[in-house]
Amino acid sequence: MALIGWHNKPDSWVVAGWAFRQVLEDVRSQCPADAEMVSELELARDLKYLFIDSFSGDLAKRLANAIRDTASGILSGQIRSGLLDKPFGDANAIAEYRSALRELVAVVSDHAV
């Protein structure tokens, strides 16, 4: 299990590790030029958590917005998830991922700007 959330807020997104890693990969693919964000996403992958409020205000906003925008883009079909290229990216995994993304958008939208 892994999570995206805030230290001081009750709402978090807790999912299977593969879904967490996939979101981080999808966000990185949308923001490759933001070296600071990419570095933090790579560290989060290893730690299995991302507490958005543990970063400076600007980075926290960029992270929250990038996560929300990427998840929303995948759900709307405007962004192609890397899950589709994975050997385990079958119909069941895609359905589970999309369901998890809907929950993630709801959690992050309250904090994104």
PDB file of N, CA and C in Angstrom:
ATOM      1  N   MET A   1       0.847  -1.179   0.000  1.00  0.00           N
ATOM      2  CA  MET A   1       0.000   0.000   0.000  1.00  0.00           C
ATOM      3  C   MET A   1       0.889   1.237   0.000  1.00  0.00           C
ATOM      4  N   ALA A   2       0.339   2.311  -0.558  1.00  0.00           N
ATOM      5  CA  ALA A   2       1.056   3.579  -0.633  1.00  0.00           C
ATOM      6  C   ALA A   2       0.024   4.695  -0.561  1.00  0.00           C
ATOM      7  N   LEU A   3       0.491   5.919  -0.286  1.00  0.00           N
ATOM      8  CA  LEU A   3      -0.481   7.003  -0.132  1.00  0.00           C
ATOM      9  C   LEU A   3       0.021   8.333  -0.621  1.00  0.00           C
ATOM     10  N   ILE A   4      -0.938   9.151  -1.011  1.00  0.00           N
ATOM     11  CA  ILE A   4      -0.743  10.571  -1.285  1.00  0.00           C
ATOM     12  C   ILE A   4      -1.687  11.283  -0.338  1.00  0.00           C
ATOM     13  N   GLY A   5      -1.153  12.258   0.384  1.00  0.00           N
ATOM     14  CA  GLY A   5      -1.996  12.967   1.335  1.00  0.00           C
ATOM     15  C   GLY A   5      -1.280  14.135   1.974  1.00  0.00           C
ATOM     16  N   TRP A   6      -1.783  14.518   3.124  1.00  0.00           N
ATOM     17  CA  TRP A   6      -1.288  15.651   3.878  1.00  0.00           C
ATOM     18  C   TRP A   6      -1.118  15.226   5.316  1.00  0.00           C
ATOM     19  N   HIS A   7      -0.083  15.742   5.963  1.00  0.00           N
ATOM     20  CA  HIS A   7       0.167  15.407   7.367  1.00  0.00           C
ATOM     21  C   HIS A   7      -0.990  15.843   8.267  1.00  0.00           C
ATOM     22  N   ASN A   8      -1.509  17.023   8.021  1.00  0.00           N
ATOM     23  CA  ASN A   8      -2.470  17.631   8.936  1.00  0.00           C
ATOM     24  C   ASN A   8      -3.906  17.624   8.423  1.00  0.00           C
ATOM     25  N   LYS A   9      -4.181  16.787   7.457  1.00  0.00           N
ATOM     26  CA  LYS A   9      -5.542  16.697   6.916  1.00  0.00           C
ATOM     27  C   LYS A   9      -5.966  15.229   6.953  1.00  0.00           C
ATOM     28  N   PRO A  10      -7.228  14.989   7.229  1.00  0.00           N
ATOM     29  CA  PRO A  10      -7.682  13.594   7.348  1.00  0.00           C
ATOM     30  C   PRO A  10      -7.808  12.863   6.012  1.00  0.00           C
ATOM     31  N   ASP A  11      -7.915  13.599   4.914  1.00  0.00           N
ATOM     32  CA  ASP A  11      -8.134  12.931   3.636  1.00  0.00           C
ATOM     33  C   ASP A  11      -6.811  12.513   3.001  1.00  0.00           C
ATOM     34  N   SER A  12      -6.756  11.278   2.581  1.00  0.00           N
ATOM     35  CA  SER A  12      -5.591  10.722   1.900  1.00  0.00           C
ATOM     36  C   SER A  12      -6.075   9.755   0.836  1.00  0.00           C
ATOM     37  N   TRP A  13      -5.194   9.482  -0.088  1.00  0.00           N
ATOM     38  CA  TRP A  13      -5.454   8.502  -1.141  1.00  0.00           C
ATOM     39  C   TRP A  13      -4.543   7.320  -0.856  1.00  0.00           C
ATOM     40  N   VAL A  14      -5.109   6.208  -0.473  1.00  0.00           N
ATOM     41  CA  VAL A  14      -4.354   5.006  -0.132  1.00  0.00           C
ATOM     42  C   VAL A  14      -4.732   3.923  -1.140  1.00  0.00           C
ATOM     43  N   VAL A  15      -3.716   3.416  -1.835  1.00  0.00           N
ATOM     44  CA  VAL A  15      -3.957   2.442  -2.902  1.00  0.00           C
ATOM     45  C   VAL A  15      -2.849   1.397  -2.914  1.00  0.00           C
ATOM     46  N   ALA A  16      -3.032   0.419  -3.764  1.00  0.00           N
ATOM     47  CA  ALA A  16      -1.998  -0.585  -3.991  1.00  0.00           C
ATOM     48  C   ALA A  16      -0.745   0.110  -4.534  1.00  0.00           C
ATOM     49  N   GLY A  17       0.389  -0.441  -4.201  1.00  0.00           N
ATOM     50  CA  GLY A  17       1.653   0.161  -4.614  1.00  0.00           C
ATOM     51  C   GLY A  17       1.774   0.373  -6.107  1.00  0.00           C
ATOM     52  N   TRP A  18       1.265  -0.560  -6.906  1.00  0.00           N
ATOM     53  CA  TRP A  18       1.401  -0.422  -8.353  1.00  0.00           C
ATOM     54  C   TRP A  18       0.629   0.792  -8.863  1.00  0.00           C
ATOM     55  N   ALA A  19      -0.540   1.076  -8.294  1.00  0.00           N
ATOM     56  CA  ALA A  19      -1.338   2.227  -8.734  1.00  0.00           C
ATOM     57  C   ALA A  19      -0.638   3.530  -8.340  1.00  0.00           C
ATOM     58  N   PHE A  20      -0.063   3.559  -7.145  1.00  0.00           N
ATOM     59  CA  PHE A  20       0.696   4.718  -6.681  1.00  0.00           C
ATOM     60  C   PHE A  20       1.879   4.985  -7.616  1.00  0.00           C
ATOM     61  N   ARG A  21       2.645   3.937  -7.908  1.00  0.00           N
ATOM     62  CA  ARG A  21       3.800   4.095  -8.796  1.00  0.00           C
ATOM     63  C   ARG A  21       3.364   4.546 -10.190  1.00  0.00           C
ATOM     64  N   GLN A  22       2.215   4.042 -10.651  1.00  0.00           N
ATOM     65  CA  GLN A  22       1.741   4.423 -11.980  1.00  0.00           C
ATOM     66  C   GLN A  22       1.344   5.893 -12.018  1.00  0.00           C
ATOM     67  N   VAL A  23       0.684   6.375 -10.979  1.00  0.00           N
ATOM     68  CA  VAL A  23       0.329   7.795 -10.941  1.00  0.00           C
ATOM     69  C   VAL A  23       1.585   8.649 -10.971  1.00  0.00           C
ATOM     70  N   LEU A  24       2.565   8.288 -10.166  1.00  0.00           N
ATOM     71  CA  LEU A  24       3.800   9.066 -10.148  1.00  0.00           C
ATOM     72  C   LEU A  24       4.469   9.064 -11.513  1.00  0.00           C
ATOM     73  N   GLU A  25       4.477   7.906 -12.172  1.00  0.00           N
ATOM     74  CA  GLU A  25       5.047   7.809 -13.515  1.00  0.00           C
ATOM     75  C   GLU A  25       4.265   8.673 -14.501  1.00  0.00           C
ATOM     76  N   ASP A  26       2.954   8.615 -14.433  1.00  0.00           N
ATOM     77  CA  ASP A  26       2.130   9.410 -15.343  1.00  0.00           C
ATOM     78  C   ASP A  26       2.333  10.906 -15.108  1.00  0.00           C
ATOM     79  N   VAL A  27       2.429  11.328 -13.849  1.00  0.00           N
ATOM     80  CA  VAL A  27       2.667  12.745 -13.550  1.00  0.00           C
ATOM     81  C   VAL A  27       4.048  13.156 -14.064  1.00  0.00           C
ATOM     82  N   ARG A  28       5.049  12.337 -13.828  1.00  0.00           N
ATOM     83  CA  ARG A  28       6.405  12.656 -14.315  1.00  0.00           C
ATOM     84  C   ARG A  28       6.411  12.818 -15.829  1.00  0.00           C
ATOM     85  N   SER A  29       5.649  11.983 -16.517  1.00  0.00           N
ATOM     86  CA  SER A  29       5.634  12.067 -17.980  1.00  0.00           C
ATOM     87  C   SER A  29       4.985  13.361 -18.466  1.00  0.00           C
ATOM     88  N   GLN A  30       4.145  13.965 -17.649  1.00  0.00           N
ATOM     89  CA  GLN A  30       3.485  15.219 -18.016  1.00  0.00           C
ATOM     90  C   GLN A  30       4.306  16.453 -17.638  1.00  0.00           C
ATOM     91  N   CYS A  31       5.260  16.292 -16.721  1.00  0.00           N
ATOM     92  CA  CYS A  31       6.037  17.434 -16.219  1.00  0.00           C
ATOM     93  C   CYS A  31       7.537  17.139 -16.256  1.00  0.00           C
ATOM     94  N   PRO A  32       8.069  16.662 -17.381  1.00  0.00           N
ATOM     95  CA  PRO A  32       9.473  16.236 -17.392  1.00  0.00           C
ATOM     96  C   PRO A  32      10.470  17.376 -17.175  1.00  0.00           C
ATOM     97  N   ALA A  33      10.078  18.604 -17.457  1.00  0.00           N
ATOM     98  CA  ALA A  33      11.000  19.732 -17.326  1.00  0.00           C
ATOM     99  C   ALA A  33      11.096  20.264 -15.901  1.00  0.00           C
ATOM    100  N   ASP A  34      10.196  19.844 -15.022  1.00  0.00           N
ATOM    101  CA  ASP A  34      10.215  20.319 -13.638  1.00  0.00           C
ATOM    102  C   ASP A  34      11.093  19.373 -12.817  1.00  0.00           C
ATOM    103  N   ALA A  35      12.395  19.647 -12.835  1.00  0.00           N
ATOM    104  CA  ALA A  35      13.372  18.749 -12.206  1.00  0.00           C
ATOM    105  C   ALA A  35      13.111  18.577 -10.713  1.00  0.00           C
ATOM    106  N   GLU A  36      12.713  19.636 -10.055  1.00  0.00           N
ATOM    107  CA  GLU A  36      12.449  19.542  -8.613  1.00  0.00           C
ATOM    108  C   GLU A  36      11.286  18.587  -8.343  1.00  0.00           C
ATOM    109  N   MET A  37      10.212  18.718  -9.100  1.00  0.00           N
ATOM    110  CA  MET A  37       9.057  17.854  -8.921  1.00  0.00           C
ATOM    111  C   MET A  37       9.404  16.410  -9.285  1.00  0.00           C
ATOM    112  N   VAL A  38      10.098  16.211 -10.386  1.00  0.00           N
ATOM    113  CA  VAL A  38      10.478  14.859 -10.810  1.00  0.00           C
ATOM    114  C   VAL A  38      11.317  14.183  -9.726  1.00  0.00           C
ATOM    115  N   SER A  39      12.245  14.926  -9.149  1.00  0.00           N
ATOM    116  CA  SER A  39      13.089  14.375  -8.096  1.00  0.00           C
ATOM    117  C   SER A  39      12.261  13.929  -6.889  1.00  0.00           C
ATOM    118  N   GLU A  40      11.303  14.754  -6.485  1.00  0.00           N
ATOM    119  CA  GLU A  40      10.459  14.412  -5.332  1.00  0.00           C
ATOM    120  C   GLU A  40       9.534  13.237  -5.643  1.00  0.00           C
ATOM    121  N   LEU A  41       9.055  13.146  -6.875  1.00  0.00           N
ATOM    122  CA  LEU A  41       8.206  12.018  -7.259  1.00  0.00           C
ATOM    123  C   LEU A  41       9.000  10.717  -7.259  1.00  0.00           C
ATOM    124  N   GLU A  42      10.240  10.781  -7.680  1.00  0.00           N
ATOM    125  CA  GLU A  42      11.087   9.583  -7.665  1.00  0.00           C
ATOM    126  C   GLU A  42      11.367   9.139  -6.233  1.00  0.00           C
ATOM    127  N   LEU A  43      11.616  10.084  -5.345  1.00  0.00           N
ATOM    128  CA  LEU A  43      11.825   9.750  -3.942  1.00  0.00           C
ATOM    129  C   LEU A  43      10.552   9.164  -3.337  1.00  0.00           C
ATOM    130  N   ALA A  44       9.413   9.754  -3.649  1.00  0.00           N
ATOM    131  CA  ALA A  44       8.123   9.264  -3.142  1.00  0.00           C
ATOM    132  C   ALA A  44       7.885   7.821  -3.591  1.00  0.00           C
ATOM    133  N   ARG A  45       8.274   7.515  -4.812  1.00  0.00           N
ATOM    134  CA  ARG A  45       8.120   6.142  -5.313  1.00  0.00           C
ATOM    135  C   ARG A  45       8.851   5.159  -4.404  1.00  0.00           C
ATOM    136  N   ASP A  46      10.054   5.523  -4.009  1.00  0.00           N
ATOM    137  CA  ASP A  46      10.846   4.648  -3.144  1.00  0.00           C
ATOM    138  C   ASP A  46      10.294   4.584  -1.720  1.00  0.00           C
ATOM    139  N   LEU A  47       9.772   5.708  -1.227  1.00  0.00           N
ATOM    140  CA  LEU A  47       9.264   5.775   0.146  1.00  0.00           C
ATOM    141  C   LEU A  47       7.851   5.210   0.278  1.00  0.00           C
ATOM    142  N   LYS A  48       7.115   5.167  -0.826  1.00  0.00           N
ATOM    143  CA  LYS A  48       5.732   4.682  -0.875  1.00  0.00           C
ATOM    144  C   LYS A  48       4.740   5.652  -0.225  1.00  0.00           C
ATOM    145  N   TYR A  49       5.103   6.918  -0.181  1.00  0.00           N
ATOM    146  CA  TYR A  49       4.175   7.953   0.271  1.00  0.00           C
ATOM    147  C   TYR A  49       4.601   9.304  -0.271  1.00  0.00           C
ATOM    148  N   LEU A  50       3.636  10.195  -0.362  1.00  0.00           N
ATOM    149  CA  LEU A  50       3.879  11.567  -0.776  1.00  0.00           C
ATOM    150  C   LEU A  50       2.978  12.450   0.069  1.00  0.00           C
ATOM    151  N   PHE A  51       3.566  13.134   1.027  1.00  0.00           N
ATOM    152  CA  PHE A  51       2.833  14.103   1.838  1.00  0.00           C
ATOM    153  C   PHE A  51       3.054  15.464   1.203  1.00  0.00           C
ATOM    154  N   ILE A  52       2.053  15.952   0.505  1.00  0.00           N
ATOM    155  CA  ILE A  52       2.185  17.162  -0.284  1.00  0.00           C
ATOM    156  C   ILE A  52       2.515  18.379   0.578  1.00  0.00           C
ATOM    157  N   ASP A  53       1.983  18.435   1.781  1.00  0.00           N
ATOM    158  CA  ASP A  53       2.241  19.598   2.630  1.00  0.00           C
ATOM    159  C   ASP A  53       3.624  19.588   3.272  1.00  0.00           C
ATOM    160  N   SER A  54       4.448  18.619   2.947  1.00  0.00           N
ATOM    161  CA  SER A  54       5.807  18.617   3.486  1.00  0.00           C
ATOM    162  C   SER A  54       6.758  19.424   2.599  1.00  0.00           C
ATOM    163  N   PHE A  55       6.240  19.996   1.513  1.00  0.00           N
ATOM    164  CA  PHE A  55       7.053  20.783   0.592  1.00  0.00           C
ATOM    165  C   PHE A  55       6.733  22.261   0.725  1.00  0.00           C
ATOM    166  N   SER A  56       7.597  23.100   0.156  1.00  0.00           N
ATOM    167  CA  SER A  56       7.359  24.543   0.153  1.00  0.00           C
ATOM    168  C   SER A  56       6.030  24.828  -0.534  1.00  0.00           C
ATOM    169  N   GLY A  57       5.472  25.973  -0.250  1.00  0.00           N
ATOM    170  CA  GLY A  57       4.169  26.335  -0.818  1.00  0.00           C
ATOM    171  C   GLY A  57       4.100  26.198  -2.325  1.00  0.00           C
ATOM    172  N   ASP A  58       5.132  26.694  -3.020  1.00  0.00           N
ATOM    173  CA  ASP A  58       5.121  26.640  -4.478  1.00  0.00           C
ATOM    174  C   ASP A  58       5.196  25.207  -4.993  1.00  0.00           C
ATOM    175  N   LEU A  59       6.110  24.415  -4.440  1.00  0.00           N
ATOM    176  CA  LEU A  59       6.238  23.029  -4.886  1.00  0.00           C
ATOM    177  C   LEU A  59       4.999  22.228  -4.519  1.00  0.00           C
ATOM    178  N   ALA A  60       4.449  22.465  -3.346  1.00  0.00           N
ATOM    179  CA  ALA A  60       3.225  21.755  -2.939  1.00  0.00           C
ATOM    180  C   ALA A  60       2.087  22.051  -3.911  1.00  0.00           C
ATOM    181  N   LYS A  61       1.939  23.305  -4.326  1.00  0.00           N
ATOM    182  CA  LYS A  61       0.890  23.665  -5.291  1.00  0.00           C
ATOM    183  C   LYS A  61       1.142  23.007  -6.642  1.00  0.00           C
ATOM    184  N   ARG A  62       2.394  23.040  -7.095  1.00  0.00           N
ATOM    185  CA  ARG A  62       2.718  22.416  -8.387  1.00  0.00           C
ATOM    186  C   ARG A  62       2.440  20.921  -8.356  1.00  0.00           C
ATOM    187  N   LEU A  63       2.816  20.260  -7.258  1.00  0.00           N
ATOM    188  CA  LEU A  63       2.557  18.826  -7.127  1.00  0.00           C
ATOM    189  C   LEU A  63       1.060  18.527  -7.133  1.00  0.00           C
ATOM    190  N   ALA A  64       0.310  19.232  -6.296  1.00  0.00           N
ATOM    191  CA  ALA A  64      -1.134  18.996  -6.216  1.00  0.00           C
ATOM    192  C   ALA A  64      -1.805  19.241  -7.564  1.00  0.00           C
ATOM    193  N   ASN A  65      -1.432  20.335  -8.223  1.00  0.00           N
ATOM    194  CA  ASN A  65      -2.028  20.656  -9.517  1.00  0.00           C
ATOM    195  C   ASN A  65      -1.652  19.626 -10.573  1.00  0.00           C
ATOM    196  N   ALA A  66      -0.388  19.211 -10.594  1.00  0.00           N
ATOM    197  CA  ALA A  66       0.058  18.226 -11.586  1.00  0.00           C
ATOM    198  C   ALA A  66      -0.624  16.884 -11.369  1.00  0.00           C
ATOM    199  N   ILE A  67      -0.767  16.484 -10.128  1.00  0.00           N
ATOM    200  CA  ILE A  67      -1.448  15.216  -9.828  1.00  0.00           C
ATOM    201  C   ILE A  67      -2.905  15.293 -10.255  1.00  0.00           C
ATOM    202  N   ARG A  68      -3.584  16.356  -9.860  1.00  0.00           N
ATOM    203  CA  ARG A  68      -4.995  16.521 -10.233  1.00  0.00           C
ATOM    204  C   ARG A  68      -5.168  16.581 -11.747  1.00  0.00           C
ATOM    205  N   ASP A  69      -4.353  17.398 -12.413  1.00  0.00           N
ATOM    206  CA  ASP A  69      -4.495  17.580 -13.855  1.00  0.00           C
ATOM    207  C   ASP A  69      -4.177  16.297 -14.626  1.00  0.00           C
ATOM    208  N   THR A  70      -3.169  15.566 -14.180  1.00  0.00           N
ATOM    209  CA  THR A  70      -2.817  14.305 -14.854  1.00  0.00           C
ATOM    210  C   THR A  70      -3.920  13.273 -14.658  1.00  0.00           C
ATOM    211  N   ALA A  71      -4.376  13.104 -13.431  1.00  0.00           N
ATOM    212  CA  ALA A  71      -5.443  12.130 -13.176  1.00  0.00           C
ATOM    213  C   ALA A  71      -6.708  12.494 -13.944  1.00  0.00           C
ATOM    214  N   SER A  72      -7.064  13.769 -13.934  1.00  0.00           N
ATOM    215  CA  SER A  72      -8.260  14.217 -14.672  1.00  0.00           C
ATOM    216  C   SER A  72      -8.085  14.005 -16.169  1.00  0.00           C
ATOM    217  N   GLY A  73      -6.894  14.282 -16.671  1.00  0.00           N
ATOM    218  CA  GLY A  73      -6.615  14.105 -18.095  1.00  0.00           C
ATOM    219  C   GLY A  73      -6.701  12.648 -18.525  1.00  0.00           C
ATOM    220  N   ILE A  74      -6.231  11.751 -17.668  1.00  0.00           N
ATOM    221  CA  ILE A  74      -6.335  10.321 -17.979  1.00  0.00           C
ATOM    222  C   ILE A  74      -7.799   9.901 -17.986  1.00  0.00           C
ATOM    223  N   LEU A  75      -8.549  10.354 -16.999  1.00  0.00           N
ATOM    224  CA  LEU A  75      -9.969   9.991 -16.926  1.00  0.00           C
ATOM    225  C   LEU A  75     -10.762  10.521 -18.118  1.00  0.00           C
ATOM    226  N   SER A  76     -10.395  11.706 -18.609  1.00  0.00           N
ATOM    227  CA  SER A  76     -11.131  12.295 -19.734  1.00  0.00           C
ATOM    228  C   SER A  76     -10.649  11.769 -21.085  1.00  0.00           C
ATOM    229  N   GLY A  77      -9.521  11.061 -21.088  1.00  0.00           N
ATOM    230  CA  GLY A  77      -8.977  10.551 -22.344  1.00  0.00           C
ATOM    231  C   GLY A  77      -8.016  11.508 -23.018  1.00  0.00           C
ATOM    232  N   GLN A  78      -7.735  12.649 -22.408  1.00  0.00           N
ATOM    233  CA  GLN A  78      -6.811  13.619 -23.000  1.00  0.00           C
ATOM    234  C   GLN A  78      -5.347  13.240 -22.778  1.00  0.00           C
ATOM    235  N   ILE A  79      -5.098  12.429 -21.761  1.00  0.00           N
ATOM    236  CA  ILE A  79      -3.742  11.961 -21.458  1.00  0.00           C
ATOM    237  C   ILE A  79      -3.758  10.437 -21.493  1.00  0.00           C
ATOM    238  N   ARG A  80      -2.743   9.878 -22.100  1.00  0.00           N
ATOM    239  CA  ARG A  80      -2.615   8.418 -22.180  1.00  0.00           C
ATOM    240  C   ARG A  80      -1.738   7.943 -21.040  1.00  0.00           C
ATOM    241  N   SER A  81      -2.258   7.068 -20.216  1.00  0.00           N
ATOM    242  CA  SER A  81      -1.498   6.522 -19.101  1.00  0.00           C
ATOM    243  C   SER A  81      -0.480   5.497 -19.596  1.00  0.00           C
ATOM    244  N   GLY A  82       0.658   5.466 -18.948  1.00  0.00           N
ATOM    245  CA  GLY A  82       1.661   4.457 -19.247  1.00  0.00           C
ATOM    246  C   GLY A  82       1.207   3.053 -18.882  1.00  0.00           C
ATOM    247  N   LEU A  83       0.142   2.946 -18.102  1.00  0.00           N
ATOM    248  CA  LEU A  83      -0.390   1.632 -17.743  1.00  0.00           C
ATOM    249  C   LEU A  83      -0.768   0.836 -18.984  1.00  0.00           C
ATOM    250  N   LEU A  84      -1.201   1.512 -20.020  1.00  0.00           N
ATOM    251  CA  LEU A  84      -1.627   0.839 -21.241  1.00  0.00           C
ATOM    252  C   LEU A  84      -0.476   0.098 -21.923  1.00  0.00           C
ATOM    253  N   ASP A  85       0.761   0.471 -21.593  1.00  0.00           N
ATOM    254  CA  ASP A  85       1.930  -0.160 -22.196  1.00  0.00           C
ATOM    255  C   ASP A  85       2.526  -1.268 -21.328  1.00  0.00           C
ATOM    256  N   LYS A  86       1.946  -1.493 -20.171  1.00  0.00           N
ATOM    257  CA  LYS A  86       2.482  -2.480 -19.245  1.00  0.00           C
ATOM    258  C   LYS A  86       1.867  -3.851 -19.519  1.00  0.00           C
ATOM    259  N   PRO A  87       2.622  -4.919 -19.288  1.00  0.00           N
ATOM    260  CA  PRO A  87       2.076  -6.260 -19.518  1.00  0.00           C
ATOM    261  C   PRO A  87       0.889  -6.577 -18.609  1.00  0.00           C
ATOM    262  N   PHE A  88       0.826  -5.953 -17.452  1.00  0.00           N
ATOM    263  CA  PHE A  88      -0.301  -6.192 -16.539  1.00  0.00           C
ATOM    264  C   PHE A  88      -1.417  -5.176 -16.741  1.00  0.00           C
ATOM    265  N   GLY A  89      -1.330  -4.337 -17.761  1.00  0.00           N
ATOM    266  CA  GLY A  89      -2.331  -3.303 -18.014  1.00  0.00           C
ATOM    267  C   GLY A  89      -3.545  -3.834 -18.753  1.00  0.00           C
ATOM    268  N   ASP A  90      -4.146  -4.887 -18.205  1.00  0.00           N
ATOM    269  CA  ASP A  90      -5.336  -5.476 -18.829  1.00  0.00           C
ATOM    270  C   ASP A  90      -6.592  -4.688 -18.432  1.00  0.00           C
ATOM    271  N   ALA A  91      -7.721  -5.117 -18.908  1.00  0.00           N
ATOM    272  CA  ALA A  91      -8.978  -4.408 -18.667  1.00  0.00           C
ATOM    273  C   ALA A  91      -9.283  -4.267 -17.177  1.00  0.00           C
ATOM    274  N   ASN A  92      -8.996  -5.293 -16.386  1.00  0.00           N
ATOM    275  CA  ASN A  92      -9.258  -5.217 -14.948  1.00  0.00           C
ATOM    276  C   ASN A  92      -8.364  -4.188 -14.268  1.00  0.00           C
ATOM    277  N   ALA A  93      -7.077  -4.186 -14.611  1.00  0.00           N
ATOM    278  CA  ALA A  93      -6.148  -3.220 -14.020  1.00  0.00           C
ATOM    279  C   ALA A  93      -6.524  -1.801 -14.421  1.00  0.00           C
ATOM    280  N   ILE A  94      -6.909  -1.622 -15.663  1.00  0.00           N
ATOM    281  CA  ILE A  94      -7.294  -0.292 -16.137  1.00  0.00           C
ATOM    282  C   ILE A  94      -8.542   0.183 -15.409  1.00  0.00           C
ATOM    283  N   ALA A  95      -9.521  -0.667 -15.232  1.00  0.00           N
ATOM    284  CA  ALA A  95     -10.742  -0.293 -14.508  1.00  0.00           C
ATOM    285  C   ALA A  95     -10.420   0.069 -13.053  1.00  0.00           C
ATOM    286  N   GLU A  96      -9.558  -0.730 -12.421  1.00  0.00           N
ATOM    287  CA  GLU A  96      -9.170  -0.444 -11.037  1.00  0.00           C
ATOM    288  C   GLU A  96      -8.420   0.891 -10.947  1.00  0.00           C
ATOM    289  N   TYR A  97      -7.530   1.136 -11.893  1.00  0.00           N
ATOM    290  CA  TYR A  97      -6.758   2.374 -11.911  1.00  0.00           C
ATOM    291  C   TYR A  97      -7.677   3.576 -12.105  1.00  0.00           C
ATOM    292  N   ARG A  98      -8.586   3.483 -13.038  1.00  0.00           N
ATOM    293  CA  ARG A  98      -9.517   4.594 -13.289  1.00  0.00           C
ATOM    294  C   ARG A  98     -10.373   4.889 -12.055  1.00  0.00           C
ATOM    295  N   SER A  99     -10.807   3.863 -11.373  1.00  0.00           N
ATOM    296  CA  SER A  99     -11.577   4.054 -10.144  1.00  0.00           C
ATOM    297  C   SER A  99     -10.728   4.766  -9.091  1.00  0.00           C
ATOM    298  N   ALA A 100      -9.488   4.336  -8.961  1.00  0.00           N
ATOM    299  CA  ALA A 100      -8.579   4.968  -8.006  1.00  0.00           C
ATOM    300  C   ALA A 100      -8.296   6.421  -8.390  1.00  0.00           C
ATOM    301  N   LEU A 101      -8.188   6.690  -9.682  1.00  0.00           N
ATOM    302  CA  LEU A 101      -7.939   8.062 -10.131  1.00  0.00           C
ATOM    303  C   LEU A 101      -9.102   8.984  -9.790  1.00  0.00           C
ATOM    304  N   ARG A 102     -10.315   8.487  -9.890  1.00  0.00           N
ATOM    305  CA  ARG A 102     -11.480   9.309  -9.515  1.00  0.00           C
ATOM    306  C   ARG A 102     -11.384   9.706  -8.038  1.00  0.00           C
ATOM    307  N   GLU A 103     -10.986   8.763  -7.207  1.00  0.00           N
ATOM    308  CA  GLU A 103     -10.819   9.067  -5.776  1.00  0.00           C
ATOM    309  C   GLU A 103      -9.687  10.066  -5.569  1.00  0.00           C
ATOM    310  N   LEU A 104      -8.602   9.890  -6.311  1.00  0.00           N
ATOM    311  CA  LEU A 104      -7.462  10.806  -6.186  1.00  0.00           C
ATOM    312  C   LEU A 104      -7.844  12.233  -6.582  1.00  0.00           C
ATOM    313  N   VAL A 105      -8.568  12.370  -7.659  1.00  0.00           N
ATOM    314  CA  VAL A 105      -8.996  13.699  -8.103  1.00  0.00           C
ATOM    315  C   VAL A 105      -9.835  14.355  -7.002  1.00  0.00           C
ATOM    316  N   ALA A 106     -10.721  13.611  -6.398  1.00  0.00           N
ATOM    317  CA  ALA A 106     -11.562  14.172  -5.328  1.00  0.00           C
ATOM    318  C   ALA A 106     -10.716  14.626  -4.138  1.00  0.00           C
ATOM    319  N   VAL A 107      -9.729  13.836  -3.765  1.00  0.00           N
ATOM    320  CA  VAL A 107      -8.886  14.181  -2.617  1.00  0.00           C
ATOM    321  C   VAL A 107      -8.017  15.389  -2.915  1.00  0.00           C
ATOM    322  N   VAL A 108      -7.377  15.389  -4.072  1.00  0.00           N
ATOM    323  CA  VAL A 108      -6.420  16.446  -4.392  1.00  0.00           C
ATOM    324  C   VAL A 108      -7.111  17.741  -4.788  1.00  0.00           C
ATOM    325  N   SER A 109      -8.288  17.667  -5.384  1.00  0.00           N
ATOM    326  CA  SER A 109      -8.963  18.875  -5.847  1.00  0.00           C
ATOM    327  C   SER A 109      -9.270  19.840  -4.696  1.00  0.00           C
ATOM    328  N   ASP A 110      -9.465  19.315  -3.523  1.00  0.00           N
ATOM    329  CA  ASP A 110      -9.722  20.187  -2.370  1.00  0.00           C
ATOM    330  C   ASP A 110      -8.508  21.027  -2.010  1.00  0.00           C
ATOM    331  N   HIS A 111      -7.319  20.620  -2.484  1.00  0.00           N
ATOM    332  CA  HIS A 111      -6.089  21.299  -2.077  1.00  0.00           C
ATOM    333  C   HIS A 111      -5.326  21.919  -3.238  1.00  0.00           C
ATOM    334  N   ALA A 112      -5.679  21.573  -4.465  1.00  0.00           N
ATOM    335  CA  ALA A 112      -4.980  22.131  -5.627  1.00  0.00           C
ATOM    336  C   ALA A 112      -5.455  23.555  -5.876  1.00  0.00           C
ATOM    337  N   VAL A 113      -4.606  24.318  -6.532  1.00  0.00           N
ATOM    338  CA  VAL A 113      -4.945  25.720  -6.813  1.00  0.00           C
ATOM    339  C   VAL A 113      -4.820  25.983  -8.293  1.00  0.00           C
TER     340      VAL A 113
END
